[in-house]
Amino acid sequence: MNNVKRADLLFTAAEESLLQGEFSFRRKVWNLSIRRAQEAVELSLTGILALFGVHYPKDHDQAPLAIRLLSNNGFDLGNKSQKIQEISIDLSRKRGPALHQEEGYDLETARKGLDDAKFVLTTVQEVRQALLRKIAAKAGK
């Protein structure tokens, strides 16, 4: 499987995780909403890494490496970089306690987690499109 195909699969999984998080939210299952939000963030950032040909160890906070790679390759996200990193670390710290019911998250926390995941996914999808255009341009040379 090539890097573009792997990235496509990861982005599809990220979108599905976000949909599942919204479903859990509607059912008032706040902890699973948090868990799925975190998965959406992790999978979307892993998708960007895949486009660079990087297979990062299974770590739940992919943001530092992804942001560094993007920056080093001319993709400056400005203030969004810091926000993405904050979201990624916050949700990665909540994922285990959410799954194992060690913390009882509430509606506000779940809504923020899903909103944050949407922000990351939307931002990373924009970068993904630009990166795919760059890859296609290189391939056409």
C-alpha atoms as a PDB file:
ATOM      1  CA  MET A   1       0.000   0.000   0.000  1.00  0.00           C
ATOM      2  CA  ASN A   2       1.399   3.408  -0.887  1.00  0.00           C
ATOM      3  CA  ASN A   3       1.499   6.410   1.422  1.00  0.00           C
ATOM      4  CA  VAL A   4      -1.354   8.267  -0.290  1.00  0.00           C
ATOM      5  CA  LYS A   5      -3.668   5.248  -0.044  1.00  0.00           C
ATOM      6  CA  ARG A   6      -2.740   4.717   3.622  1.00  0.00           C
ATOM      7  CA  ALA A   7      -3.389   8.408   4.333  1.00  0.00           C
ATOM      8  CA  ASP A   8      -6.782   8.171   2.603  1.00  0.00           C
ATOM      9  CA  LEU A   9      -7.723   5.231   4.814  1.00  0.00           C
ATOM     10  CA  LEU A  10      -6.578   7.072   7.941  1.00  0.00           C
ATOM     11  CA  PHE A  11      -8.602  10.172   7.036  1.00  0.00           C
ATOM     12  CA  THR A  12     -11.666   8.037   6.353  1.00  0.00           C
ATOM     13  CA  ALA A  13     -11.218   6.436   9.777  1.00  0.00           C
ATOM     14  CA  ALA A  14     -10.807   9.880  11.371  1.00  0.00           C
ATOM     15  CA  GLU A  15     -14.057  11.075   9.818  1.00  0.00           C
ATOM     16  CA  GLU A  16     -15.824   7.908  10.955  1.00  0.00           C
ATOM     17  CA  SER A  17     -14.505   8.328  14.513  1.00  0.00           C
ATOM     18  CA  LEU A  18     -15.882  11.849  14.592  1.00  0.00           C
ATOM     19  CA  LEU A  19     -19.282  10.636  13.363  1.00  0.00           C
ATOM     20  CA  GLN A  20     -19.301   7.948  16.046  1.00  0.00           C
ATOM     21  CA  GLY A  21     -18.377  10.580  18.629  1.00  0.00           C
ATOM     22  CA  GLU A  22     -21.338  12.699  17.563  1.00  0.00           C
ATOM     23  CA  PHE A  23     -23.593   9.639  17.776  1.00  0.00           C
ATOM     24  CA  SER A  24     -22.389   8.931  21.319  1.00  0.00           C
ATOM     25  CA  PHE A  25     -22.871  12.595  22.201  1.00  0.00           C
ATOM     26  CA  ARG A  26     -26.489  12.520  21.034  1.00  0.00           C
ATOM     27  CA  ARG A  27     -26.986   9.455  23.232  1.00  0.00           C
ATOM     28  CA  LYS A  28     -25.374  11.321  26.182  1.00  0.00           C
ATOM     29  CA  VAL A  29     -22.468   8.898  26.378  1.00  0.00           C
ATOM     30  CA  TRP A  30     -19.939  11.634  27.098  1.00  0.00           C
ATOM     31  CA  ASN A  31     -16.923   9.415  27.735  1.00  0.00           C
ATOM     32  CA  LEU A  32     -17.171   7.671  24.371  1.00  0.00           C
ATOM     33  CA  SER A  33     -17.593  11.064  22.720  1.00  0.00           C
ATOM     34  CA  ILE A  34     -14.247  12.080  24.223  1.00  0.00           C
ATOM     35  CA  ARG A  35     -12.639   8.808  23.175  1.00  0.00           C
ATOM     36  CA  ARG A  36     -13.854   9.084  19.577  1.00  0.00           C
ATOM     37  CA  ALA A  37     -12.837  12.760  19.395  1.00  0.00           C
ATOM     38  CA  GLN A  38      -9.309  11.776  20.420  1.00  0.00           C
ATOM     39  CA  GLU A  39      -9.234   9.023  17.818  1.00  0.00           C
ATOM     40  CA  ALA A  40     -10.279  11.485  15.106  1.00  0.00           C
ATOM     41  CA  VAL A  41      -7.416  13.807  16.045  1.00  0.00           C
ATOM     42  CA  GLU A  42      -4.851  11.011  16.229  1.00  0.00           C
ATOM     43  CA  LEU A  43      -5.922   9.421  12.950  1.00  0.00           C
ATOM     44  CA  SER A  44      -5.967  12.701  11.022  1.00  0.00           C
ATOM     45  CA  LEU A  45      -2.485  13.638  12.237  1.00  0.00           C
ATOM     46  CA  THR A  46      -1.266  10.111  11.469  1.00  0.00           C
ATOM     47  CA  GLY A  47      -2.713  10.583   7.973  1.00  0.00           C
ATOM     48  CA  ILE A  48      -0.557  13.662   7.447  1.00  0.00           C
ATOM     49  CA  LEU A  49       2.493  11.761   8.676  1.00  0.00           C
ATOM     50  CA  ALA A  50       1.671   8.969   6.212  1.00  0.00           C
ATOM     51  CA  LEU A  51       1.731  11.458   3.330  1.00  0.00           C
ATOM     52  CA  PHE A  52       5.302  12.279   4.328  1.00  0.00           C
ATOM     53  CA  GLY A  53       6.145   8.588   4.418  1.00  0.00           C
ATOM     54  CA  VAL A  54       6.524   8.592   8.190  1.00  0.00           C
ATOM     55  CA  HIS A  55       5.278   5.609  10.135  1.00  0.00           C
ATOM     56  CA  TYR A  56       5.289   6.965  13.651  1.00  0.00           C
ATOM     57  CA  PRO A  57       5.253   4.619  16.636  1.00  0.00           C
ATOM     58  CA  LYS A  58       1.837   4.072  18.069  1.00  0.00           C
ATOM     59  CA  ASP A  59       1.693   7.150  20.240  1.00  0.00           C
ATOM     60  CA  HIS A  60      -1.594   8.886  20.910  1.00  0.00           C
ATOM     61  CA  ASP A  61      -0.152  12.393  20.562  1.00  0.00           C
ATOM     62  CA  GLN A  62       1.022  12.722  16.971  1.00  0.00           C
ATOM     63  CA  ALA A  63       0.885  16.535  16.915  1.00  0.00           C
ATOM     64  CA  PRO A  64       4.488  17.520  17.752  1.00  0.00           C
ATOM     65  CA  LEU A  65       6.014  15.490  14.925  1.00  0.00           C
ATOM     66  CA  ALA A  66       3.251  16.331  12.438  1.00  0.00           C
ATOM     67  CA  ILE A  67       3.521  20.077  13.109  1.00  0.00           C
ATOM     68  CA  ARG A  68       7.325  19.941  12.872  1.00  0.00           C
ATOM     69  CA  LEU A  69       7.190  18.042   9.555  1.00  0.00           C
ATOM     70  CA  LEU A  70       4.616  20.422   8.128  1.00  0.00           C
ATOM     71  CA  SER A  71       6.641  23.449   9.160  1.00  0.00           C
ATOM     72  CA  ASN A  72       9.861  21.992   7.749  1.00  0.00           C
ATOM     73  CA  ASN A  73       8.076  21.416   4.433  1.00  0.00           C
ATOM     74  CA  GLY A  74       6.629  24.886   4.012  1.00  0.00           C
ATOM     75  CA  PHE A  75       3.245  24.405   5.650  1.00  0.00           C
ATOM     76  CA  ASP A  76       3.094  27.097   8.315  1.00  0.00           C
ATOM     77  CA  LEU A  77      -0.160  26.831  10.250  1.00  0.00           C
ATOM     78  CA  GLY A  78       0.513  29.935  12.339  1.00  0.00           C
ATOM     79  CA  ASN A  79      -1.529  30.052  15.552  1.00  0.00           C
ATOM     80  CA  LYS A  80      -3.305  26.852  14.576  1.00  0.00           C
ATOM     81  CA  SER A  81      -0.136  24.846  15.267  1.00  0.00           C
ATOM     82  CA  GLN A  82      -0.209  25.590  18.978  1.00  0.00           C
ATOM     83  CA  LYS A  83      -3.955  24.974  19.191  1.00  0.00           C
ATOM     84  CA  ILE A  84      -3.634  21.610  17.443  1.00  0.00           C
ATOM     85  CA  GLN A  85      -0.858  20.572  19.809  1.00  0.00           C
ATOM     86  CA  GLU A  86      -2.888  21.624  22.857  1.00  0.00           C
ATOM     87  CA  ILE A  87      -5.954  19.736  21.612  1.00  0.00           C
ATOM     88  CA  SER A  88      -3.956  16.616  20.805  1.00  0.00           C
ATOM     89  CA  ILE A  89      -2.256  16.406  24.191  1.00  0.00           C
ATOM     90  CA  ASP A  90      -5.472  17.219  26.066  1.00  0.00           C
ATOM     91  CA  LEU A  91      -7.498  14.527  24.328  1.00  0.00           C
ATOM     92  CA  SER A  92      -4.687  11.979  24.443  1.00  0.00           C
ATOM     93  CA  ARG A  93      -4.582  12.375  28.223  1.00  0.00           C
ATOM     94  CA  LYS A  94      -8.346  11.916  28.484  1.00  0.00           C
ATOM     95  CA  ARG A  95      -8.687   8.910  26.157  1.00  0.00           C
ATOM     96  CA  GLY A  96      -7.755   6.134  28.605  1.00  0.00           C
ATOM     97  CA  PRO A  97      -9.725   7.449  31.584  1.00  0.00           C
ATOM     98  CA  ALA A  98     -12.699   8.028  29.259  1.00  0.00           C
ATOM     99  CA  LEU A  99     -12.652   4.478  27.905  1.00  0.00           C
ATOM    100  CA  HIS A 100     -12.181   2.806  31.272  1.00  0.00           C
ATOM    101  CA  GLN A 101     -14.748   5.039  32.997  1.00  0.00           C
ATOM    102  CA  GLU A 102     -12.093   6.287  35.410  1.00  0.00           C
ATOM    103  CA  GLU A 103     -13.313   9.839  34.850  1.00  0.00           C
ATOM    104  CA  GLY A 104     -16.893  10.939  34.437  1.00  0.00           C
ATOM    105  CA  TYR A 105     -16.842  13.499  31.651  1.00  0.00           C
ATOM    106  CA  ASP A 106     -19.813  15.800  31.184  1.00  0.00           C
ATOM    107  CA  LEU A 107     -21.732  17.361  28.324  1.00  0.00           C
ATOM    108  CA  GLU A 108     -19.517  20.475  28.168  1.00  0.00           C
ATOM    109  CA  THR A 109     -16.287  18.471  28.108  1.00  0.00           C
ATOM    110  CA  ALA A 110     -17.648  16.111  25.463  1.00  0.00           C
ATOM    111  CA  ARG A 111     -18.888  18.999  23.299  1.00  0.00           C
ATOM    112  CA  LYS A 112     -15.529  20.750  23.565  1.00  0.00           C
ATOM    113  CA  GLY A 113     -13.709  17.527  22.676  1.00  0.00           C
ATOM    114  CA  LEU A 114     -15.820  17.038  19.565  1.00  0.00           C
ATOM    115  CA  ASP A 115     -15.535  20.691  18.542  1.00  0.00           C
ATOM    116  CA  ASP A 116     -11.771  20.523  19.024  1.00  0.00           C
ATOM    117  CA  ALA A 117     -11.565  17.339  16.956  1.00  0.00           C
ATOM    118  CA  LYS A 118     -13.556  19.016  14.158  1.00  0.00           C
ATOM    119  CA  PHE A 119     -11.125  21.935  14.231  1.00  0.00           C
ATOM    120  CA  VAL A 120      -8.116  19.627  13.906  1.00  0.00           C
ATOM    121  CA  LEU A 121      -9.711  17.473  11.224  1.00  0.00           C
ATOM    122  CA  THR A 122     -10.814  20.492   9.156  1.00  0.00           C
ATOM    123  CA  THR A 123      -7.419  22.177   9.443  1.00  0.00           C
ATOM    124  CA  VAL A 124      -5.497  19.017   8.632  1.00  0.00           C
ATOM    125  CA  GLN A 125      -7.812  18.217   5.701  1.00  0.00           C
ATOM    126  CA  GLU A 126      -6.951  21.622   4.183  1.00  0.00           C
ATOM    127  CA  VAL A 127      -3.248  20.891   4.583  1.00  0.00           C
ATOM    128  CA  ARG A 128      -3.768  17.410   3.176  1.00  0.00           C
ATOM    129  CA  GLN A 129      -5.264  18.834  -0.020  1.00  0.00           C
ATOM    130  CA  ALA A 130      -2.356  21.241  -0.452  1.00  0.00           C
ATOM    131  CA  LEU A 131       0.132  18.470   0.230  1.00  0.00           C
ATOM    132  CA  LEU A 132      -1.557  16.152  -2.279  1.00  0.00           C
ATOM    133  CA  ARG A 133      -1.320  18.908  -4.914  1.00  0.00           C
ATOM    134  CA  LYS A 134       2.390  19.254  -4.105  1.00  0.00           C
ATOM    135  CA  ILE A 135       2.912  15.484  -4.398  1.00  0.00           C
ATOM    136  CA  ALA A 136       1.034  15.405  -7.714  1.00  0.00           C
ATOM    137  CA  ALA A 137       3.106  18.293  -9.065  1.00  0.00           C
ATOM    138  CA  LYS A 138       6.335  16.477  -8.166  1.00  0.00           C
ATOM    139  CA  ALA A 139       5.079  13.283  -9.791  1.00  0.00           C
ATOM    140  CA  GLY A 140       4.234  15.201 -12.965  1.00  0.00           C
ATOM    141  CA  LYS A 141       7.782  16.506 -13.401  1.00  0.00           C
END
